[in-house]
Every structure is written in structure tokens, then in C-alpha cells.
Amino acid sequence: MPTPPTAPNVRVTWVGHATTHVDYGDFRVLTDPLLRRRVAHLRRRSELPAPSVAEVDLVLLSHAHMDHLHVPSLRRIRPTTPVVGPRGTRSLLTRAGFERIIEVENGDRIEVGPAMIDVVDAAHPVGRGPHSKIRAKPVGFVFEVAGHRTYFAGDTDLFDDMASLGAIDVALLPIWGWGPSIGWGHLDPARATEAAALIEPGAVIPIHWGTYSPEDGRLTLPGWLDSPAKSFVSEMQSAGLTDRLQLLQPGQAFVLGNGVIGRAARRSHSRGDGGSEAESGSP
């Protein structure tokens, strides 16, 4: 029987909004970096991350909306860092100063360093905004490093292939937006719970809530800011999925590991090959 692969402890930090930092020890991934106090009409309602959060080896961008592809935040990242974004975002990423730009679309599979990245669908409005000519179709990512598979949804509603992502160790699922209500193309707590049931990940970390809100001139936090998280906890309890829930506040981290290999690597070891059968249950 083959020797089981070794894997580092994986530290997943929810930086805030859709920004997550996944640290494999010698390889670090940053998603949809939003690292400024102000973004257009939005103000951050939690502490800013330390500058070291931008010291990464790979950046994944889900779509072109300003609260996900934020040029001033991207300029804080070393320009030689590989950045992967939807097809149609090259001009924005060039403006941000990047030298290694990889444009992708749903169905692509690419390899960057030790990361194998599958580009998946996302049900979310196309483009950057009503006054922009950028027409980039949003995507999500399933990325695997050292046998650990992470699903980063970016911004999405439910979509047809969500149950076909394969074995996922950690799902980074959006549960809201940045205002008191959300429109088409977003998961709310109930639909995010449905997504968790479809994907069956080992752990679910809710993102895209409780970080930014429209500037209103007040020092107090909006009353609705924490409501999505409370509703998501309730929905996950009703669905019997609380054993998978890892509820973080901006800046908090979840460590997956203690020497436990990811389900993707464990599956390959147990089969003695590179099999791709999905496996449910905690890692």
C-alpha cells in the first residue's frame, strides 16, 4: 500500500467580506482582496488586516465588481504574484500592476505552483457595473494544495453543478452582501444552507457578511450587520449541519489539520491512484 501523503496544517483566515487567506505553510492563497477602509460608498466596520496579509503566492479573483476586484487593494500585493481572474479582467489587473495574469472561464483547469485549480460556475451578474465596459463572467474556484480541496464561491446563487464539485474539505460560502437587502445572484442564509447540503464539505466558513456597509455618517454599527450570520446558524441547525459550521469573525482563523490529510489526498491514497470519486464526511 502506498505511503500516506503528509500535509501541513491548513490555516484559513476570513479577512472579511469575500477576502480569505489560506496558508499551507509554504504557499499562501488570497481571494478577492479588499484591504481598504473605504471602497466606493462602503465603509469597513471591522479592523483592517495587517499588511502581511498581502504577502501571498497566489491571488484568486471571482469577478469584476469593485468590492471583489479592487484595484487599490490589489496594488498592495507584490506585482510578480500570479493572479487568476475571469476572462475580460486583464486590463484591470494590468492597471493594478500585475505581471503574471491568467484569465480563465468556467471549465478551465490550471496549475500554479503546487495548486491545482478548477474553475467552476457562478450565478452572479456579469460585468463590473452599469458604467463600465468590462464584461467578465463571474466564476468560482476549487483549488487543491497538498491534498486539501477548498471551494471559494466568490459571489453566487445556487447553480446546477453545485452538487458536482467533488470532495471538498472547506467551503467558503457567501451568505449575504453589503447592505440590508440583496438582489439576484447572491446566496442568503437559507440558500447558503442548501448549498452546504449539496456540496457536503468537511467544513463550511460563511463569508461575505458583516464587514462593509454603506456610509451613513454614524459611529454605531448597522443593526442588520450580524443578522445574516445569526440566520445562517439557525438554518444550519435546522438542516442538521452544525457539525460542519465554522463561524468566524473578520480576522479569525480556522485550522484544518493536526497532521490529518485532506479528503482528496486520502481518497487517492486509499485507492492507490488519482481517483476522483466524491466522498462525504468530515476530513
C-alpha atoms as a PDB file:
ATOM      1  CA  MET A   1       0.000   0.000   0.000  1.00  0.00           C
ATOM      2  CA  PRO A   2       1.368   3.475  -0.852  1.00  0.00           C
ATOM      3  CA  THR A   3       2.700   5.619   1.995  1.00  0.00           C
ATOM      4  CA  PRO A   4       0.044   8.155   3.082  1.00  0.00           C
ATOM      5  CA  PRO A   5       0.882  11.659   1.861  1.00  0.00           C
ATOM      6  CA  THR A   6       1.868  14.177   4.509  1.00  0.00           C
ATOM      7  CA  ALA A   7       0.146  17.524   4.581  1.00  0.00           C
ATOM      8  CA  PRO A   8       0.627  20.698   6.608  1.00  0.00           C
ATOM      9  CA  ASN A   9      -1.925  22.171   8.906  1.00  0.00           C
ATOM     10  CA  VAL A  10      -4.025  24.479   6.768  1.00  0.00           C
ATOM     11  CA  ARG A  11      -4.908  27.819   8.327  1.00  0.00           C
ATOM     12  CA  VAL A  12      -7.941  29.514   6.769  1.00  0.00           C
ATOM     13  CA  THR A  13      -8.417  33.133   7.838  1.00  0.00           C
ATOM     14  CA  TRP A  14     -11.556  35.054   6.977  1.00  0.00           C
ATOM     15  CA  VAL A  15     -10.101  38.519   6.426  1.00  0.00           C
ATOM     16  CA  GLY A  16     -13.564  39.987   5.804  1.00  0.00           C
ATOM     17  CA  HIS A  17     -16.150  40.298   3.014  1.00  0.00           C
ATOM     18  CA  ALA A  18     -15.041  37.771   0.342  1.00  0.00           C
ATOM     19  CA  THR A  19     -11.362  38.034   1.276  1.00  0.00           C
ATOM     20  CA  THR A  20      -9.865  34.859   2.694  1.00  0.00           C
ATOM     21  CA  HIS A  21      -6.245  33.908   3.326  1.00  0.00           C
ATOM     22  CA  VAL A  22      -5.421  30.207   3.053  1.00  0.00           C
ATOM     23  CA  ASP A  23      -1.993  29.339   4.430  1.00  0.00           C
ATOM     24  CA  TYR A  24      -0.430  25.943   3.662  1.00  0.00           C
ATOM     25  CA  GLY A  25       2.847  26.793   5.373  1.00  0.00           C
ATOM     26  CA  ASP A  26       4.987  27.370   2.311  1.00  0.00           C
ATOM     27  CA  PHE A  27       2.207  28.502  -0.046  1.00  0.00           C
ATOM     28  CA  ARG A  28      -0.441  31.155   0.606  1.00  0.00           C
ATOM     29  CA  VAL A  29      -3.593  31.967  -1.358  1.00  0.00           C
ATOM     30  CA  LEU A  30      -5.610  35.196  -1.126  1.00  0.00           C
ATOM     31  CA  THR A  31      -9.137  35.517  -2.530  1.00  0.00           C
ATOM     32  CA  ASP A  32     -10.858  38.714  -3.717  1.00  0.00           C
ATOM     33  CA  PRO A  33      -8.585  41.077  -1.732  1.00  0.00           C
ATOM     34  CA  LEU A  34     -10.444  44.007  -0.173  1.00  0.00           C
ATOM     35  CA  LEU A  35      -7.919  45.668   2.124  1.00  0.00           C
ATOM     36  CA  ARG A  36      -9.001  49.297   2.428  1.00  0.00           C
ATOM     37  CA  ARG A  37     -11.159  51.120   4.950  1.00  0.00           C
ATOM     38  CA  ARG A  38     -13.298  52.711   2.229  1.00  0.00           C
ATOM     39  CA  VAL A  39     -14.498  51.137  -1.022  1.00  0.00           C
ATOM     40  CA  ALA A  40     -16.668  53.481  -3.111  1.00  0.00           C
ATOM     41  CA  HIS A  41     -19.675  54.228  -0.869  1.00  0.00           C
ATOM     42  CA  LEU A  42     -18.883  51.410   1.567  1.00  0.00           C
ATOM     43  CA  ARG A  43     -17.061  51.619   4.899  1.00  0.00           C
ATOM     44  CA  ARG A  44     -15.389  48.755   6.708  1.00  0.00           C
ATOM     45  CA  ARG A  45     -16.990  48.049  10.081  1.00  0.00           C
ATOM     46  CA  SER A  46     -14.175  45.894  11.488  1.00  0.00           C
ATOM     47  CA  GLU A  47     -10.423  46.281  11.910  1.00  0.00           C
ATOM     48  CA  LEU A  48      -8.244  46.294   8.828  1.00  0.00           C
ATOM     49  CA  PRO A  49      -5.966  43.283   8.349  1.00  0.00           C
ATOM     50  CA  ALA A  50      -2.232  43.511   8.942  1.00  0.00           C
ATOM     51  CA  PRO A  51      -0.171  44.453   5.860  1.00  0.00           C
ATOM     52  CA  SER A  52       1.370  40.956   5.914  1.00  0.00           C
ATOM     53  CA  VAL A  53      -1.926  39.520   4.617  1.00  0.00           C
ATOM     54  CA  ALA A  54      -0.848  40.709   1.156  1.00  0.00           C
ATOM     55  CA  GLU A  55       2.353  38.626   1.242  1.00  0.00           C
ATOM     56  CA  VAL A  56       0.988  35.697  -0.757  1.00  0.00           C
ATOM     57  CA  ASP A  57       1.889  33.330  -3.578  1.00  0.00           C
ATOM     58  CA  LEU A  58      -1.407  33.310  -5.497  1.00  0.00           C
ATOM     59  CA  VAL A  59      -4.415  35.606  -5.863  1.00  0.00           C
ATOM     60  CA  LEU A  60      -7.817  34.324  -6.994  1.00  0.00           C
ATOM     61  CA  LEU A  61     -10.429  36.793  -8.239  1.00  0.00           C
ATOM     62  CA  SER A  62     -14.018  35.664  -8.707  1.00  0.00           C
ATOM     63  CA  HIS A  63     -15.443  38.605 -10.649  1.00  0.00           C
ATOM     64  CA  ALA A  64     -15.021  42.225 -11.644  1.00  0.00           C
ATOM     65  CA  HIS A  65     -17.328  44.037  -9.203  1.00  0.00           C
ATOM     66  CA  MET A  66     -15.415  46.703  -7.287  1.00  0.00           C
ATOM     67  CA  ASP A  67     -15.893  45.041  -3.891  1.00  0.00           C
ATOM     68  CA  HIS A  68     -14.172  41.907  -5.257  1.00  0.00           C
ATOM     69  CA  LEU A  69     -11.692  43.235  -7.808  1.00  0.00           C
ATOM     70  CA  HIS A  70     -10.483  46.359  -6.025  1.00  0.00           C
ATOM     71  CA  VAL A  71      -7.513  47.890  -7.802  1.00  0.00           C
ATOM     72  CA  PRO A  72      -6.157  49.936  -4.819  1.00  0.00           C
ATOM     73  CA  SER A  73      -6.166  46.796  -2.654  1.00  0.00           C
ATOM     74  CA  LEU A  74      -4.510  44.730  -5.381  1.00  0.00           C
ATOM     75  CA  ARG A  75      -1.698  47.282  -5.623  1.00  0.00           C
ATOM     76  CA  ARG A  76      -0.648  46.250  -2.101  1.00  0.00           C
ATOM     77  CA  ILE A  77       0.339  42.827  -3.435  1.00  0.00           C
ATOM     78  CA  ARG A  78       3.733  42.149  -4.984  1.00  0.00           C
ATOM     79  CA  PRO A  79       3.381  42.603  -8.783  1.00  0.00           C
ATOM     80  CA  THR A  80       5.125  39.305  -9.582  1.00  0.00           C
ATOM     81  CA  THR A  81       2.431  37.345  -7.730  1.00  0.00           C
ATOM     82  CA  PRO A  82       0.350  35.179 -10.100  1.00  0.00           C
ATOM     83  CA  VAL A  83      -3.225  36.451 -10.263  1.00  0.00           C
ATOM     84  CA  VAL A  84      -6.102  34.408 -11.697  1.00  0.00           C
ATOM     85  CA  GLY A  85      -9.250  36.233 -12.784  1.00  0.00           C
ATOM     86  CA  PRO A  86     -12.217  35.827 -15.132  1.00  0.00           C
ATOM     87  CA  ARG A  87     -11.683  36.335 -18.831  1.00  0.00           C
ATOM     88  CA  GLY A  88     -12.130  40.034 -19.552  1.00  0.00           C
ATOM     89  CA  THR A  89     -10.349  41.401 -16.466  1.00  0.00           C
ATOM     90  CA  ARG A  90      -6.829  41.689 -17.901  1.00  0.00           C
ATOM     91  CA  SER A  91      -6.999  45.466 -18.379  1.00  0.00           C
ATOM     92  CA  LEU A  92      -7.942  45.998 -14.738  1.00  0.00           C
ATOM     93  CA  LEU A  93      -5.227  43.652 -13.498  1.00  0.00           C
ATOM     94  CA  THR A  94      -2.643  45.328 -15.711  1.00  0.00           C
ATOM     95  CA  ARG A  95      -3.690  48.652 -14.204  1.00  0.00           C
ATOM     96  CA  ALA A  96      -3.141  47.101 -10.757  1.00  0.00           C
ATOM     97  CA  GLY A  97       0.458  46.382 -11.811  1.00  0.00           C
ATOM     98  CA  PHE A  98       0.463  42.596 -12.089  1.00  0.00           C
ATOM     99  CA  GLU A  99       2.954  40.893 -14.380  1.00  0.00           C
ATOM    100  CA  ARG A 100       1.598  37.315 -14.264  1.00  0.00           C
ATOM    101  CA  ILE A 101      -2.090  37.442 -15.234  1.00  0.00           C
ATOM    102  CA  ILE A 102      -4.063  34.287 -16.014  1.00  0.00           C
ATOM    103  CA  GLU A 103      -7.574  34.778 -17.408  1.00  0.00           C
ATOM    104  CA  VAL A 104      -9.965  31.837 -17.027  1.00  0.00           C
ATOM    105  CA  GLU A 105     -13.546  30.778 -17.592  1.00  0.00           C
ATOM    106  CA  ASN A 106     -15.855  28.080 -16.282  1.00  0.00           C
ATOM    107  CA  GLY A 107     -14.490  24.604 -17.027  1.00  0.00           C
ATOM    108  CA  ASP A 108     -10.803  25.549 -17.128  1.00  0.00           C
ATOM    109  CA  ARG A 109      -8.212  23.647 -15.100  1.00  0.00           C
ATOM    110  CA  ILE A 110      -4.862  25.282 -14.421  1.00  0.00           C
ATOM    111  CA  GLU A 111      -1.842  24.646 -12.238  1.00  0.00           C
ATOM    112  CA  VAL A 112       0.000  27.406 -10.398  1.00  0.00           C
ATOM    113  CA  GLY A 113       2.911  26.202  -8.279  1.00  0.00           C
ATOM    114  CA  PRO A 114       1.578  23.412  -6.021  1.00  0.00           C
ATOM    115  CA  ALA A 115      -2.049  24.486  -6.569  1.00  0.00           C
ATOM    116  CA  MET A 116      -4.370  22.657  -8.959  1.00  0.00           C
ATOM    117  CA  ILE A 117      -7.284  24.966  -9.721  1.00  0.00           C
ATOM    118  CA  ASP A 118     -10.618  24.018 -11.237  1.00  0.00           C
ATOM    119  CA  VAL A 119     -12.673  26.973 -12.437  1.00  0.00           C
ATOM    120  CA  VAL A 120     -16.381  26.491 -11.747  1.00  0.00           C
ATOM    121  CA  ASP A 121     -19.607  28.303 -12.464  1.00  0.00           C
ATOM    122  CA  ALA A 122     -21.095  31.236 -10.543  1.00  0.00           C
ATOM    123  CA  ALA A 123     -24.616  32.612 -10.870  1.00  0.00           C
ATOM    124  CA  HIS A 124     -23.997  36.332 -10.483  1.00  0.00           C
ATOM    125  CA  PRO A 125     -24.395  39.492 -12.604  1.00  0.00           C
ATOM    126  CA  VAL A 126     -21.837  39.863 -15.389  1.00  0.00           C
ATOM    127  CA  GLY A 127     -19.500  42.841 -15.661  1.00  0.00           C
ATOM    128  CA  ARG A 128     -18.151  45.472 -13.282  1.00  0.00           C
ATOM    129  CA  GLY A 129     -21.013  47.917 -13.016  1.00  0.00           C
ATOM    130  CA  PRO A 130     -23.520  49.950 -15.017  1.00  0.00           C
ATOM    131  CA  HIS A 131     -20.918  52.468 -16.201  1.00  0.00           C
ATOM    132  CA  SER A 132     -18.169  50.014 -17.138  1.00  0.00           C
ATOM    133  CA  LYS A 133     -17.428  48.282 -20.436  1.00  0.00           C
ATOM    134  CA  ILE A 134     -15.871  45.316 -18.627  1.00  0.00           C
ATOM    135  CA  ARG A 135     -17.952  42.201 -19.375  1.00  0.00           C
ATOM    136  CA  ALA A 136     -16.343  39.433 -17.356  1.00  0.00           C
ATOM    137  CA  LYS A 137     -18.423  36.378 -16.449  1.00  0.00           C
ATOM    138  CA  PRO A 138     -18.076  35.586 -12.712  1.00  0.00           C
ATOM    139  CA  VAL A 139     -16.529  32.275 -11.678  1.00  0.00           C
ATOM    140  CA  GLY A 140     -15.767  30.253  -8.574  1.00  0.00           C
ATOM    141  CA  PHE A 141     -12.716  28.144  -7.787  1.00  0.00           C
ATOM    142  CA  VAL A 142     -11.963  24.724  -6.356  1.00  0.00           C
ATOM    143  CA  PHE A 143      -8.276  24.724  -5.518  1.00  0.00           C
ATOM    144  CA  GLU A 144      -6.234  21.831  -4.179  1.00  0.00           C
ATOM    145  CA  VAL A 145      -2.905  22.081  -2.402  1.00  0.00           C
ATOM    146  CA  ALA A 146      -1.221  19.212  -0.537  1.00  0.00           C
ATOM    147  CA  GLY A 147      -4.394  17.137  -0.808  1.00  0.00           C
ATOM    148  CA  HIS A 148      -6.689  19.768   0.703  1.00  0.00           C
ATOM    149  CA  ARG A 149      -9.529  20.934  -1.569  1.00  0.00           C
ATOM    150  CA  THR A 150     -11.123  24.326  -0.925  1.00  0.00           C
ATOM    151  CA  TYR A 151     -14.155  25.754  -2.693  1.00  0.00           C
ATOM    152  CA  PHE A 152     -14.232  29.537  -2.961  1.00  0.00           C
ATOM    153  CA  ALA A 153     -17.615  30.609  -4.323  1.00  0.00           C
ATOM    154  CA  GLY A 154     -16.904  34.339  -4.644  1.00  0.00           C
ATOM    155  CA  ASP A 155     -20.407  35.688  -5.192  1.00  0.00           C
ATOM    156  CA  THR A 156     -23.087  33.336  -6.452  1.00  0.00           C
ATOM    157  CA  ASP A 157     -26.569  31.949  -6.110  1.00  0.00           C
ATOM    158  CA  LEU A 158     -27.291  28.232  -6.406  1.00  0.00           C
ATOM    159  CA  PHE A 159     -26.317  26.735  -9.771  1.00  0.00           C
ATOM    160  CA  ASP A 160     -26.903  23.385 -11.479  1.00  0.00           C
ATOM    161  CA  ASP A 161     -23.442  21.872 -10.968  1.00  0.00           C
ATOM    162  CA  MET A 162     -23.027  22.849  -7.334  1.00  0.00           C
ATOM    163  CA  ALA A 163     -23.553  19.253  -6.218  1.00  0.00           C
ATOM    164  CA  SER A 164     -20.849  18.044  -8.623  1.00  0.00           C
ATOM    165  CA  LEU A 165     -17.791  19.826  -7.248  1.00  0.00           C
ATOM    166  CA  GLY A 166     -16.286  16.637  -5.837  1.00  0.00           C
ATOM    167  CA  ALA A 167     -14.944  16.132  -2.322  1.00  0.00           C
ATOM    168  CA  ILE A 168     -14.446  19.484  -0.594  1.00  0.00           C
ATOM    169  CA  ASP A 169     -12.593  19.950   2.690  1.00  0.00           C
ATOM    170  CA  VAL A 170     -13.549  23.599   3.234  1.00  0.00           C
ATOM    171  CA  ALA A 171     -16.304  25.564   1.512  1.00  0.00           C
ATOM    172  CA  LEU A 172     -16.062  29.361   1.663  1.00  0.00           C
ATOM    173  CA  LEU A 173     -19.711  30.248   1.113  1.00  0.00           C
ATOM    174  CA  PRO A 174     -21.142  33.765   0.802  1.00  0.00           C
ATOM    175  CA  ILE A 175     -24.281  34.252   2.883  1.00  0.00           C
ATOM    176  CA  TRP A 176     -25.130  37.909   2.186  1.00  0.00           C
ATOM    177  CA  GLY A 177     -23.772  41.134   0.648  1.00  0.00           C
ATOM    178  CA  TRP A 178     -23.027  44.633   1.926  1.00  0.00           C
ATOM    179  CA  GLY A 179     -26.467  46.145   2.511  1.00  0.00           C
ATOM    180  CA  PRO A 180     -29.700  45.489   4.398  1.00  0.00           C
ATOM    181  CA  SER A 181     -31.023  43.518   1.404  1.00  0.00           C
ATOM    182  CA  ILE A 182     -29.610  41.540  -1.515  1.00  0.00           C
ATOM    183  CA  GLY A 183     -30.650  41.019  -5.105  1.00  0.00           C
ATOM    184  CA  TRP A 184     -30.323  38.265  -7.686  1.00  0.00           C
ATOM    185  CA  GLY A 185     -27.065  36.359  -7.820  1.00  0.00           C
ATOM    186  CA  HIS A 186     -26.430  36.060  -4.089  1.00  0.00           C
ATOM    187  CA  LEU A 187     -26.832  33.328  -1.505  1.00  0.00           C
ATOM    188  CA  ASP A 188     -28.858  34.268   1.549  1.00  0.00           C
ATOM    189  CA  PRO A 189     -28.643  32.173   4.759  1.00  0.00           C
ATOM    190  CA  ALA A 190     -31.336  29.717   3.655  1.00  0.00           C
ATOM    191  CA  ARG A 191     -29.901  29.185   0.165  1.00  0.00           C
ATOM    192  CA  ALA A 192     -26.343  29.029   1.532  1.00  0.00           C
ATOM    193  CA  THR A 193     -27.507  26.208   3.800  1.00  0.00           C
ATOM    194  CA  GLU A 194     -28.964  24.471   0.762  1.00  0.00           C
ATOM    195  CA  ALA A 195     -25.609  24.929  -0.952  1.00  0.00           C
ATOM    196  CA  ALA A 196     -23.832  23.372   2.028  1.00  0.00           C
ATOM    197  CA  ALA A 197     -26.165  20.372   1.845  1.00  0.00           C
ATOM    198  CA  LEU A 198     -25.471  19.978  -1.877  1.00  0.00           C
ATOM    199  CA  ILE A 199     -21.685  20.297  -1.580  1.00  0.00           C
ATOM    200  CA  GLU A 200     -21.255  18.264   1.632  1.00  0.00           C
ATOM    201  CA  PRO A 201     -17.927  19.831   2.622  1.00  0.00           C
ATOM    202  CA  GLY A 202     -15.991  18.873   5.722  1.00  0.00           C
ATOM    203  CA  ALA A 203     -16.267  22.450   6.976  1.00  0.00           C
ATOM    204  CA  VAL A 204     -18.298  25.498   5.958  1.00  0.00           C
ATOM    205  CA  ILE A 205     -16.995  29.009   6.612  1.00  0.00           C
ATOM    206  CA  PRO A 206     -19.604  31.708   5.889  1.00  0.00           C
ATOM    207  CA  ILE A 207     -18.166  34.792   4.183  1.00  0.00           C
ATOM    208  CA  HIS A 208     -19.477  37.986   2.577  1.00  0.00           C
ATOM    209  CA  TRP A 209     -21.326  39.344   5.592  1.00  0.00           C
ATOM    210  CA  GLY A 210     -20.771  41.715   8.495  1.00  0.00           C
ATOM    211  CA  THR A 211     -17.747  43.599   7.127  1.00  0.00           C
ATOM    212  CA  TYR A 212     -18.793  46.526   4.913  1.00  0.00           C
ATOM    213  CA  SER A 213     -21.919  48.644   4.808  1.00  0.00           C
ATOM    214  CA  PRO A 214     -22.945  51.907   3.139  1.00  0.00           C
ATOM    215  CA  GLU A 215     -21.521  55.023   4.743  1.00  0.00           C
ATOM    216  CA  ASP A 216     -24.226  56.714   6.805  1.00  0.00           C
ATOM    217  CA  GLY A 217     -22.178  59.090   8.941  1.00  0.00           C
ATOM    218  CA  ARG A 218     -22.937  57.180  12.146  1.00  0.00           C
ATOM    219  CA  LEU A 219     -20.409  55.680  14.549  1.00  0.00           C
ATOM    220  CA  THR A 220     -22.709  52.865  15.606  1.00  0.00           C
ATOM    221  CA  LEU A 221     -22.903  49.626  13.632  1.00  0.00           C
ATOM    222  CA  PRO A 222     -25.985  48.999  11.475  1.00  0.00           C
ATOM    223  CA  GLY A 223     -28.476  46.818  13.309  1.00  0.00           C
ATOM    224  CA  TRP A 224     -28.653  44.311  10.456  1.00  0.00           C
ATOM    225  CA  LEU A 225     -24.880  43.743  10.171  1.00  0.00           C
ATOM    226  CA  ASP A 226     -24.774  40.473  12.154  1.00  0.00           C
ATOM    227  CA  SER A 227     -28.240  39.252  11.168  1.00  0.00           C
ATOM    228  CA  PRO A 228     -27.068  37.078   8.221  1.00  0.00           C
ATOM    229  CA  ALA A 229     -24.713  35.090  10.461  1.00  0.00           C
ATOM    230  CA  LYS A 230     -27.381  34.544  13.114  1.00  0.00           C
ATOM    231  CA  SER A 231     -29.835  33.393  10.462  1.00  0.00           C
ATOM    232  CA  PHE A 232     -27.242  31.100   8.893  1.00  0.00           C
ATOM    233  CA  VAL A 233     -26.526  29.425  12.239  1.00  0.00           C
ATOM    234  CA  SER A 234     -30.266  28.857  12.698  1.00  0.00           C
ATOM    235  CA  GLU A 235     -30.672  27.462   9.164  1.00  0.00           C
ATOM    236  CA  MET A 236     -27.684  25.137   9.583  1.00  0.00           C
ATOM    237  CA  GLN A 237     -29.102  23.907  12.888  1.00  0.00           C
ATOM    238  CA  SER A 238     -32.446  23.156  11.258  1.00  0.00           C
ATOM    239  CA  ALA A 239     -30.668  21.253   8.476  1.00  0.00           C
ATOM    240  CA  GLY A 240     -28.590  19.222  10.938  1.00  0.00           C
ATOM    241  CA  LEU A 241     -25.334  20.666   9.591  1.00  0.00           C
ATOM    242  CA  THR A 242     -23.891  22.477  12.613  1.00  0.00           C
ATOM    243  CA  ASP A 243     -21.075  19.935  12.875  1.00  0.00           C
ATOM    244  CA  ARG A 244     -19.688  21.393   9.643  1.00  0.00           C
ATOM    245  CA  LEU A 245     -20.126  25.067  10.546  1.00  0.00           C
ATOM    246  CA  GLN A 246     -17.093  27.201  11.401  1.00  0.00           C
ATOM    247  CA  LEU A 247     -18.415  30.685  12.162  1.00  0.00           C
ATOM    248  CA  LEU A 248     -15.607  33.236  12.155  1.00  0.00           C
ATOM    249  CA  GLN A 249     -15.432  36.963  12.734  1.00  0.00           C
ATOM    250  CA  PRO A 250     -13.279  39.067  10.376  1.00  0.00           C
ATOM    251  CA  GLY A 251      -9.651  38.302  11.184  1.00  0.00           C
ATOM    252  CA  GLN A 252     -10.330  34.956  12.850  1.00  0.00           C
ATOM    253  CA  ALA A 253      -8.890  31.691  11.542  1.00  0.00           C
ATOM    254  CA  PHE A 254      -9.842  28.023  11.356  1.00  0.00           C
ATOM    255  CA  VAL A 255      -7.026  25.467  11.372  1.00  0.00           C
ATOM    256  CA  LEU A 256      -7.673  22.282   9.451  1.00  0.00           C
ATOM    257  CA  GLY A 257      -5.059  19.658  10.027  1.00  0.00           C
ATOM    258  CA  ASN A 258      -3.133  18.463  13.049  1.00  0.00           C
ATOM    259  CA  GLY A 259      -1.491  16.123  10.546  1.00  0.00           C
ATOM    260  CA  VAL A 260      -4.795  14.975   9.046  1.00  0.00           C
ATOM    261  CA  ILE A 261      -4.591  14.808   5.277  1.00  0.00           C
ATOM    262  CA  GLY A 262      -7.337  16.258   3.104  1.00  0.00           C
ATOM    263  CA  ARG A 263     -10.056  14.052   1.732  1.00  0.00           C
ATOM    264  CA  ALA A 264      -8.777  14.381  -1.829  1.00  0.00           C
ATOM    265  CA  ALA A 265      -5.315  13.079  -0.841  1.00  0.00           C
ATOM    266  CA  ARG A 266      -6.777  10.420   1.474  1.00  0.00           C
ATOM    267  CA  ARG A 267      -9.031   9.179  -1.321  1.00  0.00           C
ATOM    268  CA  SER A 268      -6.068   8.920  -3.708  1.00  0.00           C
ATOM    269  CA  HIS A 269      -4.041   7.025  -1.071  1.00  0.00           C
ATOM    270  CA  SER A 270      -6.825   4.567  -0.264  1.00  0.00           C
ATOM    271  CA  ARG A 271      -7.405   3.810  -3.944  1.00  0.00           C
ATOM    272  CA  GLY A 272      -3.693   3.754  -4.789  1.00  0.00           C
ATOM    273  CA  ASP A 273      -4.351   6.067  -7.751  1.00  0.00           C
ATOM    274  CA  GLY A 274      -5.649   9.523  -8.605  1.00  0.00           C
ATOM    275  CA  GLY A 275      -9.334   8.632  -8.333  1.00  0.00           C
ATOM    276  CA  SER A 276     -11.906  11.393  -8.365  1.00  0.00           C
ATOM    277  CA  GLU A 277     -14.863   9.819  -6.587  1.00  0.00           C
ATOM    278  CA  ALA A 278     -16.636  12.187  -4.229  1.00  0.00           C
ATOM    279  CA  GLU A 279     -16.531  11.363  -0.540  1.00  0.00           C
ATOM    280  CA  SER A 280     -18.715  12.901   2.134  1.00  0.00           C
ATOM    281  CA  GLY A 281     -17.979  13.401   5.797  1.00  0.00           C
ATOM    282  CA  SER A 282     -15.523  15.478   7.774  1.00  0.00           C
ATOM    283  CA  PRO A 283     -11.848  15.377   6.849  1.00  0.00           C
END
